[in-house]
Amino acid sequence: MKKNLFALAAFAVLSFSSCKKDWTCHCTYTDPFSGSGATIDYAIKNSTQSDAKNSCNNYATVGGVSWSCGLK
């Protein structure tokens, strides 16, 4: 019984831990005057999801232009 409880507890801890992996930050921009647009993808390597979101949000202003960015 104790072994089963220990195994269950170990599984629960591992399943709730944050996994690091590679993410893609996808950013789009539409020029409000001409209607033309652009997209850029940035690779975010070996990061947790919350860290990748923070990094992706840092790309939202590139070259003084506001982009719409999100994880893919």
N, C-alpha and C. Protein backbone atom coordinates (compact mmCIF):
# COMPACT_ATOMS: atom_id res chain seq x y z
N MET A 1 0.82 -1.19 0.00
CA MET A 1 0.00 0.00 0.00
C MET A 1 0.87 1.26 0.00
N LYS A 2 1.92 1.28 0.82
CA LYS A 2 2.79 2.45 0.88
C LYS A 2 3.52 2.65 -0.44
N LYS A 3 3.90 1.55 -1.10
CA LYS A 3 4.58 1.67 -2.38
C LYS A 3 3.66 2.28 -3.43
N ASN A 4 2.41 1.87 -3.42
CA ASN A 4 1.45 2.42 -4.38
C ASN A 4 1.22 3.91 -4.13
N LEU A 5 1.13 4.29 -2.88
CA LEU A 5 0.93 5.69 -2.53
C LEU A 5 2.14 6.53 -2.94
N PHE A 6 3.34 5.99 -2.71
CA PHE A 6 4.56 6.70 -3.10
C PHE A 6 4.62 6.85 -4.62
N ALA A 7 4.30 5.81 -5.36
CA ALA A 7 4.32 5.86 -6.82
C ALA A 7 3.30 6.87 -7.34
N LEU A 8 2.13 6.91 -6.74
CA LEU A 8 1.10 7.86 -7.13
C LEU A 8 1.54 9.30 -6.85
N ALA A 9 2.16 9.52 -5.71
CA ALA A 9 2.65 10.85 -5.36
C ALA A 9 3.76 11.29 -6.31
N ALA A 10 4.66 10.39 -6.64
CA ALA A 10 5.75 10.71 -7.57
C ALA A 10 5.19 11.06 -8.95
N PHE A 11 4.20 10.31 -9.40
CA PHE A 11 3.58 10.58 -10.69
C PHE A 11 2.90 11.95 -10.69
N ALA A 12 2.22 12.29 -9.61
CA ALA A 12 1.53 13.58 -9.50
C ALA A 12 2.53 14.74 -9.55
N VAL A 13 3.64 14.61 -8.88
CA VAL A 13 4.66 15.66 -8.87
C VAL A 13 5.23 15.85 -10.27
N LEU A 14 5.53 14.76 -10.96
CA LEU A 14 6.09 14.85 -12.30
C LEU A 14 5.10 15.42 -13.30
N SER A 15 3.84 15.10 -13.15
CA SER A 15 2.85 15.58 -14.11
C SER A 15 2.56 17.06 -13.95
N PHE A 16 2.78 17.62 -12.77
CA PHE A 16 2.53 19.04 -12.55
C PHE A 16 3.77 19.90 -12.72
N SER A 17 4.93 19.29 -12.93
CA SER A 17 6.14 20.07 -13.10
C SER A 17 6.16 20.69 -14.49
N SER A 18 6.85 21.81 -14.61
CA SER A 18 6.88 22.51 -15.90
C SER A 18 7.92 21.87 -16.80
N CYS A 19 7.55 21.62 -18.03
CA CYS A 19 8.43 21.01 -19.00
C CYS A 19 9.01 22.10 -19.89
N LYS A 20 10.29 21.99 -20.15
CA LYS A 20 10.93 22.92 -21.06
C LYS A 20 10.94 22.30 -22.45
N LYS A 21 10.63 23.11 -23.44
CA LYS A 21 10.66 22.65 -24.82
C LYS A 21 10.86 23.86 -25.72
N ASP A 22 10.93 23.61 -27.02
CA ASP A 22 11.09 24.68 -27.99
C ASP A 22 9.71 25.21 -28.39
N TRP A 23 9.62 26.53 -28.51
CA TRP A 23 8.37 27.19 -28.86
C TRP A 23 8.59 28.08 -30.07
N THR A 24 7.52 28.46 -30.75
CA THR A 24 7.58 29.40 -31.85
C THR A 24 6.69 30.59 -31.52
N CYS A 25 7.27 31.77 -31.57
CA CYS A 25 6.52 33.01 -31.37
C CYS A 25 6.16 33.54 -32.75
N HIS A 26 4.87 33.64 -33.01
CA HIS A 26 4.36 34.10 -34.31
C HIS A 26 3.82 35.51 -34.15
N CYS A 27 4.43 36.45 -34.89
CA CYS A 27 4.03 37.86 -34.81
C CYS A 27 3.50 38.34 -36.16
N THR A 28 2.43 39.12 -36.12
CA THR A 28 1.86 39.70 -37.34
C THR A 28 1.71 41.20 -37.16
N TYR A 29 1.77 41.89 -38.29
CA TYR A 29 1.61 43.34 -38.30
C TYR A 29 0.80 43.72 -39.54
N THR A 30 -0.15 44.59 -39.37
CA THR A 30 -0.91 45.13 -40.49
C THR A 30 -0.80 46.65 -40.46
N ASP A 31 -0.31 47.20 -41.55
CA ASP A 31 -0.18 48.66 -41.66
C ASP A 31 -1.57 49.27 -41.75
N PRO A 32 -1.92 50.15 -40.80
CA PRO A 32 -3.28 50.71 -40.79
C PRO A 32 -3.57 51.63 -41.99
N PHE A 33 -2.52 52.12 -42.64
CA PHE A 33 -2.72 53.04 -43.76
C PHE A 33 -2.86 52.31 -45.09
N SER A 34 -1.96 51.37 -45.34
CA SER A 34 -1.97 50.68 -46.63
C SER A 34 -2.72 49.35 -46.59
N GLY A 35 -2.88 48.79 -45.39
CA GLY A 35 -3.53 47.49 -45.26
C GLY A 35 -2.60 46.32 -45.52
N SER A 36 -1.36 46.62 -45.94
CA SER A 36 -0.40 45.54 -46.16
C SER A 36 0.10 45.04 -44.82
N GLY A 37 0.64 43.85 -44.81
CA GLY A 37 1.08 43.28 -43.54
C GLY A 37 2.33 42.45 -43.67
N ALA A 38 2.78 41.98 -42.54
CA ALA A 38 3.97 41.14 -42.48
C ALA A 38 3.82 40.17 -41.32
N THR A 39 4.51 39.05 -41.41
CA THR A 39 4.56 38.08 -40.31
C THR A 39 6.01 37.70 -40.06
N ILE A 40 6.31 37.42 -38.82
CA ILE A 40 7.65 36.99 -38.41
C ILE A 40 7.47 35.88 -37.39
N ASP A 41 8.29 34.83 -37.50
CA ASP A 41 8.33 33.76 -36.50
C ASP A 41 9.69 33.77 -35.82
N TYR A 42 9.67 33.70 -34.50
CA TYR A 42 10.89 33.63 -33.70
C TYR A 42 10.92 32.29 -32.98
N ALA A 43 12.07 31.65 -32.97
CA ALA A 43 12.25 30.40 -32.23
C ALA A 43 12.65 30.74 -30.80
N ILE A 44 11.99 30.11 -29.85
CA ILE A 44 12.33 30.25 -28.44
C ILE A 44 12.69 28.85 -27.96
N LYS A 45 13.95 28.64 -27.66
CA LYS A 45 14.48 27.31 -27.36
C LYS A 45 14.49 27.01 -25.87
N ASN A 46 14.21 25.76 -25.53
CA ASN A 46 14.37 25.20 -24.20
C ASN A 46 13.79 26.12 -23.11
N SER A 47 12.49 26.35 -23.19
CA SER A 47 11.84 27.28 -22.28
C SER A 47 10.52 26.71 -21.79
N THR A 48 10.11 27.12 -20.60
CA THR A 48 8.77 26.76 -20.12
C THR A 48 7.76 27.61 -20.87
N GLN A 49 6.49 27.24 -20.80
CA GLN A 49 5.47 27.97 -21.53
C GLN A 49 5.36 29.41 -21.03
N SER A 50 5.39 29.61 -19.72
CA SER A 50 5.25 30.98 -19.20
C SER A 50 6.46 31.84 -19.58
N ASP A 51 7.67 31.28 -19.55
CA ASP A 51 8.85 32.03 -19.96
C ASP A 51 8.79 32.34 -21.46
N ALA A 52 8.29 31.39 -22.25
CA ALA A 52 8.17 31.61 -23.69
C ALA A 52 7.15 32.71 -23.98
N LYS A 53 6.04 32.73 -23.23
CA LYS A 53 5.05 33.80 -23.41
C LYS A 53 5.66 35.16 -23.11
N ASN A 54 6.44 35.24 -22.03
CA ASN A 54 7.09 36.51 -21.68
C ASN A 54 8.07 36.95 -22.77
N SER A 55 8.85 36.00 -23.27
CA SER A 55 9.79 36.33 -24.35
C SER A 55 9.05 36.76 -25.59
N CYS A 56 7.97 36.08 -25.91
CA CYS A 56 7.18 36.41 -27.09
C CYS A 56 6.58 37.81 -26.96
N ASN A 57 6.12 38.16 -25.78
CA ASN A 57 5.56 39.50 -25.56
C ASN A 57 6.63 40.59 -25.75
N ASN A 58 7.90 40.24 -25.50
CA ASN A 58 8.98 41.20 -25.70
C ASN A 58 9.17 41.54 -27.18
N TYR A 59 8.75 40.63 -28.07
CA TYR A 59 8.85 40.87 -29.51
C TYR A 59 7.69 41.72 -30.03
N ALA A 60 6.74 42.06 -29.20
CA ALA A 60 5.54 42.78 -29.64
C ALA A 60 5.86 44.19 -30.16
N THR A 61 7.00 44.73 -29.78
CA THR A 61 7.42 46.03 -30.32
C THR A 61 8.78 45.84 -30.97
N VAL A 62 8.78 45.77 -32.29
CA VAL A 62 10.02 45.59 -33.05
C VAL A 62 10.18 46.80 -33.95
N GLY A 63 11.29 47.47 -33.81
CA GLY A 63 11.55 48.64 -34.65
C GLY A 63 10.57 49.77 -34.45
N GLY A 64 10.04 49.91 -33.25
CA GLY A 64 9.09 50.98 -32.96
C GLY A 64 7.69 50.72 -33.49
N VAL A 65 7.46 49.51 -34.00
CA VAL A 65 6.16 49.13 -34.55
C VAL A 65 5.53 48.09 -33.64
N SER A 66 4.24 48.23 -33.36
CA SER A 66 3.55 47.27 -32.50
C SER A 66 3.07 46.08 -33.33
N TRP A 67 3.45 44.89 -32.90
CA TRP A 67 3.08 43.64 -33.54
C TRP A 67 2.13 42.88 -32.64
N SER A 68 1.34 42.01 -33.21
CA SER A 68 0.48 41.10 -32.45
C SER A 68 1.19 39.75 -32.40
N CYS A 69 1.61 39.34 -31.21
CA CYS A 69 2.42 38.12 -31.07
C CYS A 69 1.75 37.09 -30.17
N GLY A 70 1.99 35.83 -30.47
CA GLY A 70 1.48 34.74 -29.66
C GLY A 70 2.25 33.46 -29.95
N LEU A 71 2.16 32.51 -29.05
CA LEU A 71 2.86 31.24 -29.22
C LEU A 71 2.12 30.34 -30.19
N LYS A 72 2.86 29.63 -30.98
CA LYS A 72 2.30 28.64 -31.89
C LYS A 72 2.56 27.26 -31.37
